[in-house]
């Protein structure tokens, strides 16, 4: 986090990502977001540290096998 007093990190539980804050003084972590779906692709604080941008979405993937492709 911009203040340097805590660490911001993502946790994936049951396929859903949320952001958590862990203070460096050893106090309890706290959940910052409460999303119920999707994954977090990235997150970043604004330069002045007053805003947090979070990119979210889902990933689809396919495996395709091509055989006997003409040259």
N, C-alpha and C. Protein backbone atom coordinates (compact mmCIF):
# COMPACT_ATOMS: atom_id res chain seq x y z
N UNK A 1 0.84 -1.17 0.00
CA UNK A 1 0.00 0.00 0.00
C UNK A 1 0.89 1.23 0.00
N UNK A 2 0.39 2.33 -0.51
CA UNK A 2 1.22 3.53 -0.64
C UNK A 2 1.82 4.02 0.68
N UNK A 3 1.14 3.80 1.79
CA UNK A 3 1.64 4.29 3.08
C UNK A 3 2.86 3.50 3.55
N UNK A 4 3.04 2.30 3.01
CA UNK A 4 4.14 1.45 3.44
C UNK A 4 3.87 0.75 4.76
N UNK A 5 2.65 0.86 5.28
CA UNK A 5 2.31 0.25 6.57
C UNK A 5 1.55 -1.06 6.43
N UNK A 6 1.26 -1.45 5.19
CA UNK A 6 0.50 -2.69 4.97
C UNK A 6 0.82 -3.23 3.58
N UNK A 7 0.49 -4.49 3.39
CA UNK A 7 0.67 -5.15 2.10
C UNK A 7 -0.70 -5.50 1.54
N UNK A 8 -0.90 -5.20 0.27
CA UNK A 8 -2.13 -5.54 -0.43
C UNK A 8 -1.87 -6.76 -1.29
N UNK A 9 -2.75 -7.76 -1.24
CA UNK A 9 -2.53 -8.97 -2.03
C UNK A 9 -3.87 -9.62 -2.38
N UNK A 10 -3.85 -10.44 -3.43
CA UNK A 10 -5.06 -11.13 -3.88
C UNK A 10 -5.07 -12.56 -3.34
N UNK A 11 -6.27 -13.03 -3.00
CA UNK A 11 -6.47 -14.40 -2.55
C UNK A 11 -7.57 -15.01 -3.41
N UNK A 12 -7.32 -16.20 -3.94
CA UNK A 12 -8.33 -16.91 -4.74
C UNK A 12 -8.93 -18.03 -3.89
N UNK A 13 -10.24 -17.96 -3.68
CA UNK A 13 -10.96 -19.00 -2.94
C UNK A 13 -12.14 -19.44 -3.79
N UNK A 14 -12.22 -20.74 -4.07
CA UNK A 14 -13.30 -21.31 -4.88
C UNK A 14 -13.43 -20.61 -6.23
N UNK A 15 -12.30 -20.25 -6.83
CA UNK A 15 -12.28 -19.64 -8.16
C UNK A 15 -12.60 -18.16 -8.20
N UNK A 16 -12.74 -17.53 -7.05
CA UNK A 16 -13.06 -16.10 -6.98
C UNK A 16 -11.91 -15.37 -6.28
N UNK A 17 -11.44 -14.28 -6.89
CA UNK A 17 -10.37 -13.49 -6.31
C UNK A 17 -10.92 -12.31 -5.52
N UNK A 18 -10.27 -12.02 -4.39
CA UNK A 18 -10.57 -10.83 -3.62
C UNK A 18 -9.26 -10.26 -3.09
N UNK A 19 -9.27 -8.97 -2.79
CA UNK A 19 -8.09 -8.29 -2.27
C UNK A 19 -8.15 -8.23 -0.75
N UNK A 20 -6.99 -8.44 -0.16
CA UNK A 20 -6.84 -8.40 1.29
C UNK A 20 -5.72 -7.43 1.64
N UNK A 21 -5.79 -6.88 2.84
CA UNK A 21 -4.77 -5.98 3.35
C UNK A 21 -4.21 -6.59 4.63
N UNK A 22 -2.88 -6.70 4.69
CA UNK A 22 -2.20 -7.21 5.88
C UNK A 22 -1.32 -6.11 6.45
N UNK A 23 -1.70 -5.52 7.59
CA UNK A 23 -0.85 -4.51 8.22
C UNK A 23 0.49 -5.11 8.64
N UNK A 24 1.54 -4.34 8.51
CA UNK A 24 2.88 -4.82 8.85
C UNK A 24 3.14 -4.82 10.35
N UNK A 25 2.22 -4.25 11.14
CA UNK A 25 2.40 -4.25 12.59
C UNK A 25 1.95 -5.55 13.24
N UNK A 26 1.51 -6.53 12.41
CA UNK A 26 1.11 -7.83 12.93
C UNK A 26 -0.36 -7.94 13.28
N UNK A 27 -1.11 -6.87 13.14
CA UNK A 27 -2.54 -6.95 13.43
C UNK A 27 -3.24 -7.77 12.35
N UNK A 28 -4.50 -8.08 12.59
CA UNK A 28 -5.26 -8.99 11.71
C UNK A 28 -5.42 -8.42 10.31
N UNK A 29 -5.38 -9.32 9.33
CA UNK A 29 -5.64 -8.92 7.95
C UNK A 29 -7.12 -8.60 7.81
N UNK A 30 -7.45 -7.85 6.77
CA UNK A 30 -8.87 -7.57 6.51
C UNK A 30 -9.14 -7.66 5.02
N UNK A 31 -10.32 -8.12 4.70
CA UNK A 31 -10.73 -8.27 3.31
C UNK A 31 -11.17 -6.91 2.78
N UNK A 32 -10.58 -6.49 1.66
CA UNK A 32 -10.87 -5.18 1.08
C UNK A 32 -12.00 -5.24 0.07
N UNK A 33 -12.06 -6.32 -0.72
CA UNK A 33 -13.14 -6.48 -1.69
C UNK A 33 -13.97 -7.70 -1.32
N UNK A 34 -15.19 -7.73 -1.83
CA UNK A 34 -16.10 -8.84 -1.54
C UNK A 34 -16.76 -9.30 -2.83
N UNK A 35 -15.95 -9.58 -3.83
CA UNK A 35 -16.46 -10.05 -5.12
C UNK A 35 -17.01 -11.46 -4.96
N UNK A 36 -18.01 -11.79 -5.76
CA UNK A 36 -18.61 -13.13 -5.69
C UNK A 36 -18.36 -13.94 -6.96
N UNK A 37 -17.67 -13.35 -7.93
CA UNK A 37 -17.34 -14.06 -9.16
C UNK A 37 -16.13 -13.40 -9.80
N UNK A 38 -15.58 -14.08 -10.80
CA UNK A 38 -14.48 -13.57 -11.63
C UNK A 38 -13.12 -13.65 -10.92
N UNK A 39 -12.12 -13.32 -11.71
CA UNK A 39 -10.74 -13.30 -11.24
C UNK A 39 -10.18 -11.90 -11.38
N UNK A 40 -9.21 -11.56 -10.55
CA UNK A 40 -8.55 -10.26 -10.62
C UNK A 40 -7.35 -10.40 -11.55
N UNK A 41 -7.31 -9.57 -12.58
CA UNK A 41 -6.21 -9.60 -13.53
C UNK A 41 -5.05 -8.72 -13.11
N UNK A 42 -5.34 -7.70 -12.32
CA UNK A 42 -4.32 -6.79 -11.85
C UNK A 42 -4.93 -5.71 -10.98
N UNK A 43 -4.08 -5.04 -10.23
CA UNK A 43 -4.54 -3.94 -9.39
C UNK A 43 -3.38 -2.99 -9.15
N UNK A 44 -3.70 -1.72 -9.01
CA UNK A 44 -2.65 -0.71 -8.82
C UNK A 44 -3.24 0.54 -8.19
N UNK A 45 -2.49 1.13 -7.28
CA UNK A 45 -2.89 2.40 -6.68
C UNK A 45 -2.59 3.56 -7.60
N UNK A 46 -3.37 4.62 -7.46
CA UNK A 46 -3.08 5.86 -8.18
C UNK A 46 -1.79 6.45 -7.61
N UNK A 47 -1.17 7.36 -8.34
CA UNK A 47 0.10 7.94 -7.89
C UNK A 47 -0.01 8.62 -6.54
N UNK A 48 -1.17 9.24 -6.27
CA UNK A 48 -1.33 9.92 -4.98
C UNK A 48 -1.81 8.97 -3.87
N UNK A 49 -2.07 7.70 -4.22
CA UNK A 49 -2.44 6.71 -3.23
C UNK A 49 -3.86 6.78 -2.72
N UNK A 50 -4.71 7.57 -3.37
CA UNK A 50 -6.08 7.73 -2.89
C UNK A 50 -7.08 6.81 -3.58
N UNK A 51 -6.69 6.20 -4.69
CA UNK A 51 -7.61 5.34 -5.44
C UNK A 51 -6.91 4.04 -5.81
N UNK A 52 -7.73 3.02 -5.99
CA UNK A 52 -7.21 1.71 -6.36
C UNK A 52 -7.96 1.24 -7.60
N UNK A 53 -7.23 0.93 -8.66
CA UNK A 53 -7.84 0.39 -9.88
C UNK A 53 -7.70 -1.13 -9.84
N UNK A 54 -8.79 -1.82 -10.18
CA UNK A 54 -8.80 -3.28 -10.18
C UNK A 54 -9.33 -3.75 -11.52
N UNK A 55 -8.57 -4.58 -12.21
CA UNK A 55 -9.02 -5.19 -13.45
C UNK A 55 -9.52 -6.59 -13.16
N UNK A 56 -10.77 -6.88 -13.58
CA UNK A 56 -11.36 -8.19 -13.31
C UNK A 56 -11.91 -8.79 -14.58
N UNK A 57 -12.08 -10.09 -14.59
CA UNK A 57 -12.67 -10.77 -15.73
C UNK A 57 -12.56 -12.27 -15.56
N UNK A 58 -12.83 -12.96 -16.64
CA UNK A 58 -12.72 -14.41 -16.62
C UNK A 58 -11.85 -14.85 -17.78
N UNK A 59 -11.30 -16.02 -17.64
CA UNK A 59 -10.42 -16.55 -18.69
C UNK A 59 -11.03 -17.83 -19.25
N UNK A 60 -11.16 -17.85 -20.54
CA UNK A 60 -11.60 -19.05 -21.23
C UNK A 60 -10.41 -19.58 -22.02
N UNK A 61 -10.28 -20.87 -22.06
CA UNK A 61 -9.18 -21.43 -22.85
C UNK A 61 -9.68 -22.67 -23.57
N UNK A 62 -9.16 -22.85 -24.76
CA UNK A 62 -9.50 -24.01 -25.58
C UNK A 62 -8.21 -24.64 -26.08
N UNK A 63 -8.23 -25.94 -26.21
CA UNK A 63 -7.12 -26.66 -26.83
C UNK A 63 -7.63 -27.22 -28.15
N UNK A 64 -6.92 -26.90 -29.22
CA UNK A 64 -7.33 -27.34 -30.56
C UNK A 64 -6.18 -28.10 -31.18
N UNK A 65 -6.47 -29.28 -31.69
CA UNK A 65 -5.47 -30.11 -32.35
C UNK A 65 -5.76 -30.11 -33.84
N UNK A 66 -4.81 -29.65 -34.63
CA UNK A 66 -4.95 -29.64 -36.09
C UNK A 66 -4.05 -30.73 -36.66
N UNK A 67 -4.62 -31.57 -37.53
CA UNK A 67 -3.85 -32.65 -38.14
C UNK A 67 -3.93 -32.56 -39.65
N UNK A 68 -2.92 -33.08 -40.28
CA UNK A 68 -2.88 -33.16 -41.75
C UNK A 68 -3.19 -31.82 -42.41
N UNK A 69 -2.49 -30.83 -41.98
CA UNK A 69 -2.67 -29.50 -42.56
C UNK A 69 -1.94 -29.44 -43.89
N UNK A 70 -2.62 -29.09 -44.99
CA UNK A 70 -1.94 -29.01 -46.29
C UNK A 70 -0.93 -27.86 -46.29
N UNK A 71 0.19 -28.10 -46.99
CA UNK A 71 1.24 -27.08 -47.05
C UNK A 71 1.00 -26.15 -48.20
